[in-house]
PDB file of N, CA and C in Angstrom:
ATOM      1  N   MET A   1      -3.055  20.772   8.029  1.00  0.00           N
ATOM      2  CA  MET A   1      -2.206  21.776   7.443  1.00  0.00           C
ATOM      3  C   MET A   1      -2.959  23.105   7.503  1.00  0.00           C
ATOM      4  N   ASP A   2      -2.262  24.107   7.961  1.00  0.00           N
ATOM      5  CA  ASP A   2      -2.942  25.404   8.090  1.00  0.00           C
ATOM      6  C   ASP A   2      -3.059  26.092   6.726  1.00  0.00           C
ATOM      7  N   ASP A   3      -3.938  27.073   6.663  1.00  0.00           N
ATOM      8  CA  ASP A   3      -4.242  27.751   5.403  1.00  0.00           C
ATOM      9  C   ASP A   3      -3.065  28.545   4.860  1.00  0.00           C
ATOM     10  N   ASP A   4      -2.218  29.096   5.732  1.00  0.00           N
ATOM     11  CA  ASP A   4      -1.068  29.876   5.268  1.00  0.00           C
ATOM     12  C   ASP A   4      -0.066  28.991   4.513  1.00  0.00           C
ATOM     13  N   LEU A   5       0.193  27.803   5.055  1.00  0.00           N
ATOM     14  CA  LEU A   5       1.108  26.884   4.385  1.00  0.00           C
ATOM     15  C   LEU A   5       0.506  26.402   3.070  1.00  0.00           C
ATOM     16  N   TRP A   6      -0.779  26.101   3.083  1.00  0.00           N
ATOM     17  CA  TRP A   6      -1.432  25.653   1.856  1.00  0.00           C
ATOM     18  C   TRP A   6      -1.412  26.757   0.793  1.00  0.00           C
ATOM     19  N   ALA A   7      -1.506  28.007   1.215  1.00  0.00           N
ATOM     20  CA  ALA A   7      -1.462  29.121   0.268  1.00  0.00           C
ATOM     21  C   ALA A   7      -0.112  29.176  -0.457  1.00  0.00           C
ATOM     22  N   LEU A   8       0.953  28.711   0.181  1.00  0.00           N
ATOM     23  CA  LEU A   8       2.267  28.651  -0.470  1.00  0.00           C
ATOM     24  C   LEU A   8       2.380  27.438  -1.392  1.00  0.00           C
ATOM     25  N   ILE A   9       1.861  26.305  -0.927  1.00  0.00           N
ATOM     26  CA  ILE A   9       2.044  25.046  -1.647  1.00  0.00           C
ATOM     27  C   ILE A   9       1.065  24.888  -2.805  1.00  0.00           C
ATOM     28  N   GLY A  10      -0.186  25.235  -2.587  1.00  0.00           N
ATOM     29  CA  GLY A  10      -1.231  25.012  -3.583  1.00  0.00           C
ATOM     30  C   GLY A  10      -0.900  25.503  -4.985  1.00  0.00           C
ATOM     31  N   PRO A  11      -0.417  26.733  -5.144  1.00  0.00           N
ATOM     32  CA  PRO A  11      -0.117  27.219  -6.503  1.00  0.00           C
ATOM     33  C   PRO A  11       1.036  26.483  -7.190  1.00  0.00           C
ATOM     34  N   LEU A  12       1.863  25.771  -6.442  1.00  0.00           N
ATOM     35  CA  LEU A  12       2.985  25.052  -7.046  1.00  0.00           C
ATOM     36  C   LEU A  12       2.562  23.732  -7.682  1.00  0.00           C
ATOM     37  N   LEU A  13       1.401  23.223  -7.299  1.00  0.00           N
ATOM     38  CA  LEU A  13       0.964  21.914  -7.774  1.00  0.00           C
ATOM     39  C   LEU A  13       0.424  22.007  -9.191  1.00  0.00           C
ATOM     40  N   PRO A  14       0.775  21.031 -10.027  1.00  0.00           N
ATOM     41  CA  PRO A  14       0.285  21.062 -11.409  1.00  0.00           C
ATOM     42  C   PRO A  14      -1.221  20.810 -11.437  1.00  0.00           C
ATOM     43  N   PRO A  15      -1.925  21.439 -12.372  1.00  0.00           N
ATOM     44  CA  PRO A  15      -3.376  21.211 -12.455  1.00  0.00           C
ATOM     45  C   PRO A  15      -3.673  19.798 -12.929  1.00  0.00           C
ATOM     46  N   TRP A  16      -4.801  19.295 -12.505  1.00  0.00           N
ATOM     47  CA  TRP A  16      -5.219  17.951 -12.928  1.00  0.00           C
ATOM     48  C   TRP A  16      -5.768  18.057 -14.346  1.00  0.00           C
ATOM     49  N   PRO A  17      -5.443  17.112 -15.222  1.00  0.00           N
ATOM     50  CA  PRO A  17      -5.965  17.176 -16.598  1.00  0.00           C
ATOM     51  C   PRO A  17      -7.497  17.202 -16.604  1.00  0.00           C
ATOM     52  N   GLN A  18      -8.076  18.095 -17.404  1.00  0.00           N
ATOM     53  CA  GLN A  18      -9.530  18.258 -17.437  1.00  0.00           C
ATOM     54  C   GLN A  18     -10.241  17.011 -17.940  1.00  0.00           C
ATOM     55  N   LYS A  19      -9.661  16.334 -18.901  1.00  0.00           N
ATOM     56  CA  LYS A  19     -10.316  15.166 -19.499  1.00  0.00           C
ATOM     57  C   LYS A  19      -9.702  13.866 -19.015  1.00  0.00           C
ATOM     58  N   ALA A  20      -9.290  13.826 -17.751  1.00  0.00           N
ATOM     59  CA  ALA A  20      -8.695  12.609 -17.201  1.00  0.00           C
ATOM     60  C   ALA A  20      -9.788  11.553 -17.049  1.00  0.00           C
ATOM     61  N   PRO A  21      -9.507  10.307 -17.445  1.00  0.00           N
ATOM     62  CA  PRO A  21     -10.511   9.257 -17.296  1.00  0.00           C
ATOM     63  C   PRO A  21     -10.685   8.874 -15.825  1.00  0.00           C
ATOM     64  N   GLY A  22     -11.788   8.267 -15.530  1.00  0.00           N
ATOM     65  CA  GLY A  22     -12.025   7.769 -14.179  1.00  0.00           C
ATOM     66  C   GLY A  22     -12.766   8.762 -13.315  1.00  0.00           C
ATOM     67  N   PRO A  23     -12.898   8.426 -12.044  1.00  0.00           N
ATOM     68  CA  PRO A  23     -13.634   9.292 -11.131  1.00  0.00           C
ATOM     69  C   PRO A  23     -12.873  10.574 -10.826  1.00  0.00           C
ATOM     70  N   LYS A  24     -13.559  11.519 -10.220  1.00  0.00           N
ATOM     71  CA  LYS A  24     -12.931  12.784  -9.843  1.00  0.00           C
ATOM     72  C   LYS A  24     -11.782  12.498  -8.877  1.00  0.00           C
ATOM     73  N   PRO A  25     -10.619  13.104  -9.123  1.00  0.00           N
ATOM     74  CA  PRO A  25      -9.466  12.803  -8.267  1.00  0.00           C
ATOM     75  C   PRO A  25      -9.643  13.351  -6.850  1.00  0.00           C
ATOM     76  N   MET A  26      -8.909  12.734  -5.934  1.00  0.00           N
ATOM     77  CA  MET A  26      -8.885  13.184  -4.545  1.00  0.00           C
ATOM     78  C   MET A  26      -8.313  14.605  -4.494  1.00  0.00           C
ATOM     79  N   ASP A  27      -8.822  15.400  -3.595  1.00  0.00           N
ATOM     80  CA  ASP A  27      -8.369  16.778  -3.419  1.00  0.00           C
ATOM     81  C   ASP A  27      -6.867  16.805  -3.134  1.00  0.00           C
ATOM     82  N   ASP A  28      -6.139  17.734  -3.790  1.00  0.00           N
ATOM     83  CA  ASP A  28      -4.686  17.829  -3.630  1.00  0.00           C
ATOM     84  C   ASP A  28      -4.290  18.072  -2.177  1.00  0.00           C
ATOM     85  N   ARG A  29      -5.030  18.902  -1.496  1.00  0.00           N
ATOM     86  CA  ARG A  29      -4.690  19.223  -0.106  1.00  0.00           C
ATOM     87  C   ARG A  29      -4.808  17.984   0.775  1.00  0.00           C
ATOM     88  N   LEU A  30      -5.832  17.174   0.563  1.00  0.00           N
ATOM     89  CA  LEU A  30      -5.984  15.941   1.342  1.00  0.00           C
ATOM     90  C   LEU A  30      -4.883  14.944   1.006  1.00  0.00           C
ATOM     91  N   CYS A  31      -4.535  14.853  -0.279  1.00  0.00           N
ATOM     92  CA  CYS A  31      -3.439  13.950  -0.666  1.00  0.00           C
ATOM     93  C   CYS A  31      -2.129  14.386  -0.021  1.00  0.00           C
ATOM     94  N   LEU A  32      -1.851  15.675  -0.013  1.00  0.00           N
ATOM     95  CA  LEU A  32      -0.624  16.164   0.614  1.00  0.00           C
ATOM     96  C   LEU A  32      -0.619  15.844   2.102  1.00  0.00           C
ATOM     97  N   GLN A  33      -1.758  15.996   2.748  1.00  0.00           N
ATOM     98  CA  GLN A  33      -1.829  15.660   4.169  1.00  0.00           C
ATOM     99  C   GLN A  33      -1.603  14.164   4.380  1.00  0.00           C
ATOM    100  N   GLY A  34      -2.121  13.339   3.477  1.00  0.00           N
ATOM    101  CA  GLY A  34      -1.872  11.900   3.562  1.00  0.00           C
ATOM    102  C   GLY A  34      -0.398  11.571   3.377  1.00  0.00           C
ATOM    103  N   ILE A  35       0.248  12.243   2.440  1.00  0.00           N
ATOM    104  CA  ILE A  35       1.683  12.044   2.205  1.00  0.00           C
ATOM    105  C   ILE A  35       2.472  12.424   3.447  1.00  0.00           C
ATOM    106  N   LEU A  36       2.150  13.575   4.010  1.00  0.00           N
ATOM    107  CA  LEU A  36       2.856  14.029   5.210  1.00  0.00           C
ATOM    108  C   LEU A  36       2.613  13.089   6.386  1.00  0.00           C
ATOM    109  N   TYR A  37       1.398  12.551   6.503  1.00  0.00           N
ATOM    110  CA  TYR A  37       1.089  11.605   7.575  1.00  0.00           C
ATOM    111  C   TYR A  37       1.963  10.353   7.449  1.00  0.00           C
ATOM    112  N   VAL A  38       2.037   9.808   6.228  1.00  0.00           N
ATOM    113  CA  VAL A  38       2.835   8.596   6.005  1.00  0.00           C
ATOM    114  C   VAL A  38       4.306   8.858   6.305  1.00  0.00           C
ATOM    115  N   LEU A  39       4.833   9.978   5.833  1.00  0.00           N
ATOM    116  CA  LEU A  39       6.251  10.275   6.042  1.00  0.00           C
ATOM    117  C   LEU A  39       6.558  10.582   7.504  1.00  0.00           C
ATOM    118  N   TYR A  40       5.674  11.330   8.152  1.00  0.00           N
ATOM    119  CA  TYR A  40       5.910  11.708   9.552  1.00  0.00           C
ATOM    120  C   TYR A  40       5.795  10.507  10.487  1.00  0.00           C
ATOM    121  N   ASN A  41       4.798   9.659  10.256  1.00  0.00           N
ATOM    122  CA  ASN A  41       4.563   8.517  11.141  1.00  0.00           C
ATOM    123  C   ASN A  41       5.302   7.260  10.713  1.00  0.00           C
ATOM    124  N   ASP A  42       6.022   7.327   9.599  1.00  0.00           N
ATOM    125  CA  ASP A  42       6.831   6.214   9.108  1.00  0.00           C
ATOM    126  C   ASP A  42       6.016   4.929   8.991  1.00  0.00           C
ATOM    127  N   VAL A  43       4.863   5.042   8.335  1.00  0.00           N
ATOM    128  CA  VAL A  43       4.038   3.864   8.069  1.00  0.00           C
ATOM    129  C   VAL A  43       4.067   3.596   6.575  1.00  0.00           C
ATOM    130  N   SER A  44       3.699   2.380   6.181  1.00  0.00           N
ATOM    131  CA  SER A  44       3.674   2.079   4.756  1.00  0.00           C
ATOM    132  C   SER A  44       2.431   2.708   4.131  1.00  0.00           C
ATOM    133  N   TRP A  45       2.482   2.870   2.836  1.00  0.00           N
ATOM    134  CA  TRP A  45       1.363   3.496   2.130  1.00  0.00           C
ATOM    135  C   TRP A  45       0.087   2.693   2.313  1.00  0.00           C
ATOM    136  N   GLN A  46       0.205   1.374   2.391  1.00  0.00           N
ATOM    137  CA  GLN A  46      -0.973   0.522   2.548  1.00  0.00           C
ATOM    138  C   GLN A  46      -1.628   0.702   3.908  1.00  0.00           C
ATOM    139  N   LEU A  47      -0.897   1.209   4.890  1.00  0.00           N
ATOM    140  CA  LEU A  47      -1.434   1.360   6.250  1.00  0.00           C
ATOM    141  C   LEU A  47      -1.968   2.758   6.532  1.00  0.00           C
ATOM    142  N   LEU A  48      -2.105   3.594   5.508  1.00  0.00           N
ATOM    143  CA  LEU A  48      -2.695   4.912   5.707  1.00  0.00           C
ATOM    144  C   LEU A  48      -4.171   4.718   6.064  1.00  0.00           C
ATOM    145  N   PRO A  49      -4.598   5.125   7.263  1.00  0.00           N
ATOM    146  CA  PRO A  49      -5.983   4.882   7.683  1.00  0.00           C
ATOM    147  C   PRO A  49      -6.993   5.673   6.846  1.00  0.00           C
ATOM    148  N   LEU A  50      -7.969   4.981   6.297  1.00  0.00           N
ATOM    149  CA  LEU A  50      -9.011   5.633   5.506  1.00  0.00           C
ATOM    150  C   LEU A  50      -9.859   6.562   6.357  1.00  0.00           C
ATOM    151  N   GLU A  51      -9.928   6.283   7.666  1.00  0.00           N
ATOM    152  CA  GLU A  51     -10.753   7.098   8.566  1.00  0.00           C
ATOM    153  C   GLU A  51     -10.271   8.540   8.635  1.00  0.00           C
ATOM    154  N   LEU A  52      -9.018   8.789   8.287  1.00  0.00           N
ATOM    155  CA  LEU A  52      -8.485  10.150   8.341  1.00  0.00           C
ATOM    156  C   LEU A  52      -8.989  11.006   7.181  1.00  0.00           C
ATOM    157  N   GLY A  53      -9.506  10.367   6.143  1.00  0.00           N
ATOM    158  CA  GLY A  53     -10.060  11.109   5.019  1.00  0.00           C
ATOM    159  C   GLY A  53      -9.047  11.542   3.977  1.00  0.00           C
ATOM    160  N   PHE A  54      -7.849  10.975   4.012  1.00  0.00           N
ATOM    161  CA  PHE A  54      -6.810  11.346   3.056  1.00  0.00           C
ATOM    162  C   PHE A  54      -6.849  10.489   1.797  1.00  0.00           C
ATOM    163  N   GLY A  55      -7.747   9.558   1.722  1.00  0.00           N
ATOM    164  CA  GLY A  55      -7.831   8.665   0.575  1.00  0.00           C
ATOM    165  C   GLY A  55      -6.950   7.444   0.779  1.00  0.00           C
ATOM    166  N   PHE A  56      -6.824   6.675  -0.267  1.00  0.00           N
ATOM    167  CA  PHE A  56      -6.009   5.468  -0.211  1.00  0.00           C
ATOM    168  C   PHE A  56      -4.526   5.821  -0.260  1.00  0.00           C
ATOM    169  N   GLY A  57      -3.720   5.004   0.389  1.00  0.00           N
ATOM    170  CA  GLY A  57      -2.277   5.212   0.372  1.00  0.00           C
ATOM    171  C   GLY A  57      -1.713   5.177  -1.031  1.00  0.00           C
ATOM    172  N   GLN A  58      -2.253   4.285  -1.871  1.00  0.00           N
ATOM    173  CA  GLN A  58      -1.791   4.174  -3.257  1.00  0.00           C
ATOM    174  C   GLN A  58      -2.043   5.479  -4.015  1.00  0.00           C
ATOM    175  N   THR A  59      -3.178   6.111  -3.747  1.00  0.00           N
ATOM    176  CA  THR A  59      -3.502   7.387  -4.389  1.00  0.00           C
ATOM    177  C   THR A  59      -2.488   8.451  -3.984  1.00  0.00           C
ATOM    178  N   CYS A  60      -2.206   8.527  -2.691  1.00  0.00           N
ATOM    179  CA  CYS A  60      -1.239   9.516  -2.194  1.00  0.00           C
ATOM    180  C   CYS A  60       0.149   9.240  -2.761  1.00  0.00           C
ATOM    181  N   TRP A  61       0.508   7.962  -2.846  1.00  0.00           N
ATOM    182  CA  TRP A  61       1.822   7.581  -3.359  1.00  0.00           C
ATOM    183  C   TRP A  61       1.965   7.989  -4.822  1.00  0.00           C
ATOM    184  N   ARG A  62       0.914   7.752  -5.638  1.00  0.00           N
ATOM    185  CA  ARG A  62       0.966   8.143  -7.048  1.00  0.00           C
ATOM    186  C   ARG A  62       1.043   9.657  -7.194  1.00  0.00           C
ATOM    187  N   ARG A  63       0.306  10.378  -6.356  1.00  0.00           N
ATOM    188  CA  ARG A  63       0.327  11.837  -6.410  1.00  0.00           C
ATOM    189  C   ARG A  63       1.717  12.351  -6.031  1.00  0.00           C
ATOM    190  N   LEU A  64       2.341  11.727  -5.032  1.00  0.00           N
ATOM    191  CA  LEU A  64       3.706  12.109  -4.651  1.00  0.00           C
ATOM    192  C   LEU A  64       4.651  11.962  -5.841  1.00  0.00           C
ATOM    193  N   GLY A  65       4.555  10.854  -6.558  1.00  0.00           N
ATOM    194  CA  GLY A  65       5.398  10.633  -7.735  1.00  0.00           C
ATOM    195  C   GLY A  65       5.131  11.647  -8.834  1.00  0.00           C
ATOM    196  N   ARG A  66       3.866  11.950  -9.055  1.00  0.00           N
ATOM    197  CA  ARG A  66       3.485  12.931 -10.084  1.00  0.00           C
ATOM    198  C   ARG A  66       4.056  14.308  -9.742  1.00  0.00           C
ATOM    199  N   TRP A  67       3.944  14.692  -8.490  1.00  0.00           N
ATOM    200  CA  TRP A  67       4.454  15.992  -8.067  1.00  0.00           C
ATOM    201  C   TRP A  67       5.978  16.039  -8.104  1.00  0.00           C
ATOM    202  N   HIS A  68       6.599  14.929  -7.747  1.00  0.00           N
ATOM    203  CA  HIS A  68       8.061  14.868  -7.794  1.00  0.00           C
ATOM    204  C   HIS A  68       8.548  15.061  -9.230  1.00  0.00           C
ATOM    205  N   GLU A  69       7.923  14.366 -10.178  1.00  0.00           N
ATOM    206  CA  GLU A  69       8.310  14.495 -11.584  1.00  0.00           C
ATOM    207  C   GLU A  69       8.089  15.909 -12.102  1.00  0.00           C
ATOM    208  N   ALA A  70       7.090  16.597 -11.563  1.00  0.00           N
ATOM    209  CA  ALA A  70       6.795  17.968 -11.993  1.00  0.00           C
ATOM    210  C   ALA A  70       7.708  18.991 -11.322  1.00  0.00           C
ATOM    211  N   GLY A  71       8.571  18.542 -10.401  1.00  0.00           N
ATOM    212  CA  GLY A  71       9.513  19.450  -9.752  1.00  0.00           C
ATOM    213  C   GLY A  71       8.907  20.297  -8.643  1.00  0.00           C
ATOM    214  N   VAL A  72       7.768  19.863  -8.119  1.00  0.00           N
ATOM    215  CA  VAL A  72       7.066  20.639  -7.085  1.00  0.00           C
ATOM    216  C   VAL A  72       7.923  20.809  -5.839  1.00  0.00           C
ATOM    217  N   PHE A  73       8.579  19.755  -5.414  1.00  0.00           N
ATOM    218  CA  PHE A  73       9.291  19.811  -4.133  1.00  0.00           C
ATOM    219  C   PHE A  73      10.568  20.636  -4.216  1.00  0.00           C
ATOM    220  N   ASP A  74      11.212  20.651  -5.379  1.00  0.00           N
ATOM    221  CA  ASP A  74      12.373  21.528  -5.550  1.00  0.00           C
ATOM    222  C   ASP A  74      11.945  22.995  -5.479  1.00  0.00           C
ATOM    223  N   ARG A  75      10.840  23.323  -6.161  1.00  0.00           N
ATOM    224  CA  ARG A  75      10.347  24.706  -6.129  1.00  0.00           C
ATOM    225  C   ARG A  75       9.877  25.081  -4.727  1.00  0.00           C
ATOM    226  N   LEU A  76       9.218  24.147  -4.039  1.00  0.00           N
ATOM    227  CA  LEU A  76       8.753  24.417  -2.676  1.00  0.00           C
ATOM    228  C   LEU A  76       9.937  24.647  -1.740  1.00  0.00           C
ATOM    229  N   HIS A  77      10.983  23.861  -1.899  1.00  0.00           N
ATOM    230  CA  HIS A  77      12.174  24.012  -1.069  1.00  0.00           C
ATOM    231  C   HIS A  77      12.777  25.398  -1.251  1.00  0.00           C
ATOM    232  N   ARG A  78      12.911  25.825  -2.502  1.00  0.00           N
ATOM    233  CA  ARG A  78      13.462  27.158  -2.777  1.00  0.00           C
ATOM    234  C   ARG A  78      12.564  28.257  -2.222  1.00  0.00           C
ATOM    235  N   LEU A  79      11.257  28.085  -2.376  1.00  0.00           N
ATOM    236  CA  LEU A  79      10.310  29.080  -1.888  1.00  0.00           C
ATOM    237  C   LEU A  79      10.375  29.213  -0.368  1.00  0.00           C
ATOM    238  N   LEU A  80      10.408  28.077   0.322  1.00  0.00           N
ATOM    239  CA  LEU A  80      10.465  28.117   1.786  1.00  0.00           C
ATOM    240  C   LEU A  80      11.790  28.695   2.277  1.00  0.00           C
ATOM    241  N   LEU A  81      12.887  28.378   1.598  1.00  0.00           N
ATOM    242  CA  LEU A  81      14.166  28.975   1.970  1.00  0.00           C
ATOM    243  C   LEU A  81      14.136  30.487   1.788  1.00  0.00           C
ATOM    244  N   ALA A  82      13.533  30.955   0.700  1.00  0.00           N
ATOM    245  CA  ALA A  82      13.436  32.397   0.457  1.00  0.00           C
ATOM    246  C   ALA A  82      12.572  33.066   1.524  1.00  0.00           C
ATOM    247  N   GLU A  83      11.467  32.423   1.897  1.00  0.00           N
ATOM    248  CA  GLU A  83      10.587  32.977   2.935  1.00  0.00           C
ATOM    249  C   GLU A  83      11.319  33.060   4.279  1.00  0.00           C
ATOM    250  N   LEU A  84      12.020  32.000   4.624  1.00  0.00           N
ATOM    251  CA  LEU A  84      12.755  31.989   5.891  1.00  0.00           C
ATOM    252  C   LEU A  84      13.898  33.009   5.879  1.00  0.00           C
ATOM    253  N   HIS A  85      14.569  33.128   4.742  1.00  0.00           N
ATOM    254  CA  HIS A  85      15.654  34.094   4.634  1.00  0.00           C
ATOM    255  C   HIS A  85      15.119  35.524   4.775  1.00  0.00           C
ATOM    256  N   ALA A  86      13.998  35.797   4.122  1.00  0.00           N
ATOM    257  CA  ALA A  86      13.404  37.134   4.205  1.00  0.00           C
ATOM    258  C   ALA A  86      12.974  37.469   5.632  1.00  0.00           C
ATOM    259  N   ALA A  87      12.576  36.445   6.381  1.00  0.00           N
ATOM    260  CA  ALA A  87      12.152  36.665   7.768  1.00  0.00           C
ATOM    261  C   ALA A  87      13.335  36.663   8.738  1.00  0.00           C
ATOM    262  N   GLY A  88      14.555  36.439   8.220  1.00  0.00           N
ATOM    263  CA  GLY A  88      15.741  36.418   9.071  1.00  0.00           C
ATOM    264  C   GLY A  88      15.830  35.191   9.953  1.00  0.00           C
ATOM    265  N   GLU A  89      15.222  34.095   9.498  1.00  0.00           N
ATOM    266  CA  GLU A  89      15.176  32.880  10.298  1.00  0.00           C
ATOM    267  C   GLU A  89      16.218  31.837   9.897  1.00  0.00           C
ATOM    268  N   LEU A  90      17.091  32.171   8.959  1.00  0.00           N
ATOM    269  CA  LEU A  90      18.114  31.218   8.525  1.00  0.00           C
ATOM    270  C   LEU A  90      19.485  31.676   8.990  1.00  0.00           C
ATOM    271  N   ASP A  91      20.283  30.733   9.463  1.00  0.00           N
ATOM    272  CA  ASP A  91      21.657  31.004   9.856  1.00  0.00           C
ATOM    273  C   ASP A  91      22.555  30.471   8.744  1.00  0.00           C
ATOM    274  N   TRP A  92      22.967  31.355   7.833  1.00  0.00           N
ATOM    275  CA  TRP A  92      23.763  30.941   6.691  1.00  0.00           C
ATOM    276  C   TRP A  92      25.221  30.689   7.049  1.00  0.00           C
ATOM    277  N   SER A  93      25.607  30.943   8.313  1.00  0.00           N
ATOM    278  CA  SER A  93      26.997  30.687   8.696  1.00  0.00           C
ATOM    279  C   SER A  93      27.259  29.191   8.846  1.00  0.00           C
ATOM    280  N   ARG A  94      26.195  28.400   8.916  1.00  0.00           N
ATOM    281  CA  ARG A  94      26.348  26.947   9.023  1.00  0.00           C
ATOM    282  C   ARG A  94      25.600  26.311   7.867  1.00  0.00           C
ATOM    283  N   ALA A  95      26.295  25.458   7.139  1.00  0.00           N
ATOM    284  CA  ALA A  95      25.666  24.779   6.011  1.00  0.00           C
ATOM    285  C   ALA A  95      26.314  23.417   5.828  1.00  0.00           C
ATOM    286  N   CYS A  96      25.575  22.515   5.244  1.00  0.00           N
ATOM    287  CA  CYS A  96      26.079  21.172   4.969  1.00  0.00           C
ATOM    288  C   CYS A  96      25.780  20.856   3.510  1.00  0.00           C
ATOM    289  N   VAL A  97      26.791  20.462   2.783  1.00  0.00           N
ATOM    290  CA  VAL A  97      26.622  20.113   1.385  1.00  0.00           C
ATOM    291  C   VAL A  97      27.192  18.719   1.205  1.00  0.00           C
ATOM    292  N   ASP A  98      26.439  17.876   0.517  1.00  0.00           N
ATOM    293  CA  ASP A  98      26.967  16.543   0.235  1.00  0.00           C
ATOM    294  C   ASP A  98      26.771  16.229  -1.242  1.00  0.00           C
ATOM    295  N   ALA A  99      27.191  15.059  -1.644  1.00  0.00           N
ATOM    296  CA  ALA A  99      27.189  14.703  -3.060  1.00  0.00           C
ATOM    297  C   ALA A  99      25.788  14.614  -3.647  1.00  0.00           C
ATOM    298  N   SER A 100      24.760  14.467  -2.836  1.00  0.00           N
ATOM    299  CA  SER A 100      23.409  14.395  -3.391  1.00  0.00           C
ATOM    300  C   SER A 100      22.909  15.762  -3.824  1.00  0.00           C
ATOM    301  N   HIS A 101      23.598  16.838  -3.438  1.00  0.00           N
ATOM    302  CA  HIS A 101      23.167  18.187  -3.785  1.00  0.00           C
ATOM    303  C   HIS A 101      24.084  18.883  -4.780  1.00  0.00           C
ATOM    304  N   ILE A 102      25.253  18.327  -5.020  1.00  0.00           N
ATOM    305  CA  ILE A 102      26.236  18.961  -5.898  1.00  0.00           C
ATOM    306  C   ILE A 102      26.550  18.009  -7.048  1.00  0.00           C
ATOM    307  N   ARG A 103      26.490  18.522  -8.280  1.00  0.00           N
ATOM    308  CA  ARG A 103      26.797  17.688  -9.442  1.00  0.00           C
ATOM    309  C   ARG A 103      28.282  17.370  -9.490  1.00  0.00           C
ATOM    310  N   ALA A 104      28.584  16.166  -9.870  1.00  0.00           N
ATOM    311  CA  ALA A 104      29.975  15.765 -10.041  1.00  0.00           C
ATOM    312  C   ALA A 104      30.501  16.380 -11.330  1.00  0.00           C
ATOM    313  N   LYS A 105      31.779  16.734 -11.325  1.00  0.00           N
ATOM    314  CA  LYS A 105      32.377  17.309 -12.525  1.00  0.00           C
ATOM    315  C   LYS A 105      32.489  16.243 -13.595  1.00  0.00           C
ATOM    316  N   LYS A 106      32.156  16.646 -14.804  1.00  0.00           N
ATOM    317  CA  LYS A 106      32.303  15.724 -15.930  1.00  0.00           C
ATOM    318  C   LYS A 106      33.761  15.691 -16.340  1.00  0.00           C
ATOM    319  N   GLY A 107      34.200  14.544 -16.795  1.00  0.00           N
ATOM    320  CA  GLY A 107      35.555  14.417 -17.284  1.00  0.00           C
ATOM    321  C   GLY A 107      36.577  14.159 -16.191  1.00  0.00           C
ATOM    322  N   ALA A 108      36.117  13.846 -14.976  1.00  0.00           N
ATOM    323  CA  ALA A 108      37.060  13.547 -13.907  1.00  0.00           C
ATOM    324  C   ALA A 108      37.797  12.247 -14.244  1.00  0.00           C
ATOM    325  N   LYS A 109      39.048  12.166 -13.860  1.00  0.00           N
ATOM    326  CA  LYS A 109      39.829  10.969 -14.150  1.00  0.00           C
ATOM    327  C   LYS A 109      39.304   9.793 -13.340  1.00  0.00           C
ATOM    328  N   ALA A 110      39.329   8.628 -13.979  1.00  0.00           N
ATOM    329  CA  ALA A 110      38.913   7.400 -13.289  1.00  0.00           C
ATOM    330  C   ALA A 110      39.969   7.059 -12.244  1.00  0.00           C
ATOM    331  N   PRO A 111      39.546   6.491 -11.121  1.00  0.00           N
ATOM    332  CA  PRO A 111      40.542   6.139 -10.108  1.00  0.00           C
ATOM    333  C   PRO A 111      41.510   5.081 -10.634  1.00  0.00           C
ATOM    334  N   VAL A 112      42.755   5.172 -10.202  1.00  0.00           N
ATOM    335  CA  VAL A 112      43.794   4.229 -10.628  1.00  0.00           C
ATOM    336  C   VAL A 112      43.539   2.899  -9.938  1.00  0.00           C
ATOM    337  N   ARG A 113      43.677   1.820 -10.714  1.00  0.00           N
ATOM    338  CA  ARG A 113      43.469   0.484 -10.154  1.00  0.00           C
ATOM    339  C   ARG A 113      44.734   0.051  -9.435  1.00  0.00           C
ATOM    340  N   HIS A 114      44.580  -0.353  -8.168  1.00  0.00           N
ATOM    341  CA  HIS A 114      45.723  -0.762  -7.357  1.00  0.00           C
ATOM    342  C   HIS A 114      45.811  -2.280  -7.300  1.00  0.00           C
ATOM    343  N   ARG A 115      47.022  -2.762  -7.141  1.00  0.00           N
ATOM    344  CA  ARG A 115      47.243  -4.194  -7.023  1.00  0.00           C
ATOM    345  C   ARG A 115      46.625  -4.711  -5.736  1.00  0.00           C
ATOM    346  N   SER A 116      45.995  -5.846  -5.809  1.00  0.00           N
ATOM    347  CA  SER A 116      45.310  -6.425  -4.653  1.00  0.00           C
ATOM    348  C   SER A 116      46.308  -6.876  -3.609  1.00  0.00           C
ATOM    349  N   THR A 117      45.975  -6.649  -2.344  1.00  0.00           N
ATOM    350  CA  THR A 117      46.801  -7.098  -1.236  1.00  0.00           C
ATOM    351  C   THR A 117      46.162  -8.294  -0.536  1.00  0.00           C
ATOM    352  N   ALA A 118      45.100  -8.827  -1.151  1.00  0.00           N
ATOM    353  CA  ALA A 118      44.419  -9.977  -0.550  1.00  0.00           C
ATOM    354  C   ALA A 118      45.283 -11.210  -0.693  1.00  0.00           C
ATOM    355  N   GLY A 119      45.112 -12.143   0.236  1.00  0.00           N
ATOM    356  CA  GLY A 119      45.852 -13.389   0.192  1.00  0.00           C
ATOM    357  C   GLY A 119      45.437 -14.237  -0.986  1.00  0.00           C
ATOM    358  N   ARG A 120      46.344 -15.128  -1.415  1.00  0.00           N
ATOM    359  CA  ARG A 120      46.069 -16.007  -2.546  1.00  0.00           C
ATOM    360  C   ARG A 120      46.078 -17.439  -2.070  1.00  0.00           C
ATOM    361  N   GLN A 121      45.354 -18.274  -2.825  1.00  0.00           N
ATOM    362  CA  GLN A 121      45.352 -19.700  -2.486  1.00  0.00           C
ATOM    363  C   GLN A 121      46.709 -20.320  -2.819  1.00  0.00           C
ATOM    364  N   ALA A 122      47.093 -21.288  -2.001  1.00  0.00           N
ATOM    365  CA  ALA A 122      48.358 -21.964  -2.231  1.00  0.00           C
ATOM    366  C   ALA A 122      48.221 -22.886  -3.451  1.00  0.00           C
ATOM    367  N   VAL A 123      49.333 -23.142  -4.099  1.00  0.00           N
ATOM    368  CA  VAL A 123      49.356 -24.026  -5.255  1.00  0.00           C
ATOM    369  C   VAL A 123      49.106 -25.443  -4.796  1.00  0.00           C
ATOM    370  N   SER A 124      48.279 -26.160  -5.532  1.00  0.00           N
ATOM    371  CA  SER A 124      47.966 -27.552  -5.167  1.00  0.00           C
ATOM    372  C   SER A 124      49.196 -28.429  -5.394  1.00  0.00           C
ATOM    373  N   THR A 125      49.475 -29.312  -4.442  1.00  0.00           N
ATOM    374  CA  THR A 125      50.645 -30.208  -4.562  1.00  0.00           C
ATOM    375  C   THR A 125      50.221 -31.636  -4.842  1.00  0.00           C
ATOM    376  N   ILE A 126      48.998 -31.864  -5.199  1.00  0.00           N
ATOM    377  CA  ILE A 126      48.517 -33.222  -5.468  1.00  0.00           C
ATOM    378  C   ILE A 126      48.923 -33.681  -6.815  1.00  0.00           C
TER     379      ILE A 126
END
């Protein structure tokens, strides 16, 4: 990961608790690189190679969850969109919105239950 991208991402990450038990945590930048490696190469967390220096897959996976709960990726998404928009690199004439991005209206009527058109078993004649 280049330094310019890290300069955008680094400040969004929550600080590590000062009095956290256990050994010193893995560097955030290395964990992020491990996360990106796993996602890009579509490998399981257990198969993250230690030789790359990103730490254990389990460590990266826990850090991903911690950052997700802290809302890091939502803020990063907004920040990157703003940067791209400011640079004129976004084409806003084309957009895709689906149900995972738009909240459903509360109080919507429940769908009406329709009579089944499936076949029925014949009556036993025994």
